[in-house]
Amino acid sequence: MKRRFNPSVVTANDLFEGHPVWRTAQGHWSATIREAEVLDDPATAQARLAEAEAESGRVVGPYLAEVATAPQGPAPLHFREVFRVRGPAHASDRPDQRLDQRPGE
């Protein structure tokens, strides 16, 4: 049985900084998942993933991550993605993930 496609975003790690990044609808990379393009169909998702894979000089390890859609933007569904969005406990060096600005804290 074929698995149902769930809304997804393209994510990777910044090649130079190592931080997680998400691909926007404009084809840029953002440090916040809120700006990520939510992909609702498999063909478009695969095309966007292929575009990201072609950017080997900018990002490493691009893949599709399933998300839930929410008014404030895409929300990760899996623990790994939640961790990547929030960052490690020592994320104070990331301006978008300072301890005093984390969602839900």
Foldseek 3Di string as FASTA:
>chain_A
DDDDDAWWWKWFAFPPPRAIWTAAPVRDTHNAQLRTDTDDDDVVQVVSQVVVVVVVVTGPDIDIFHFDQDPSHTHGDDPVVVCSNQDDPPCCVPPCRHPVNGPPD
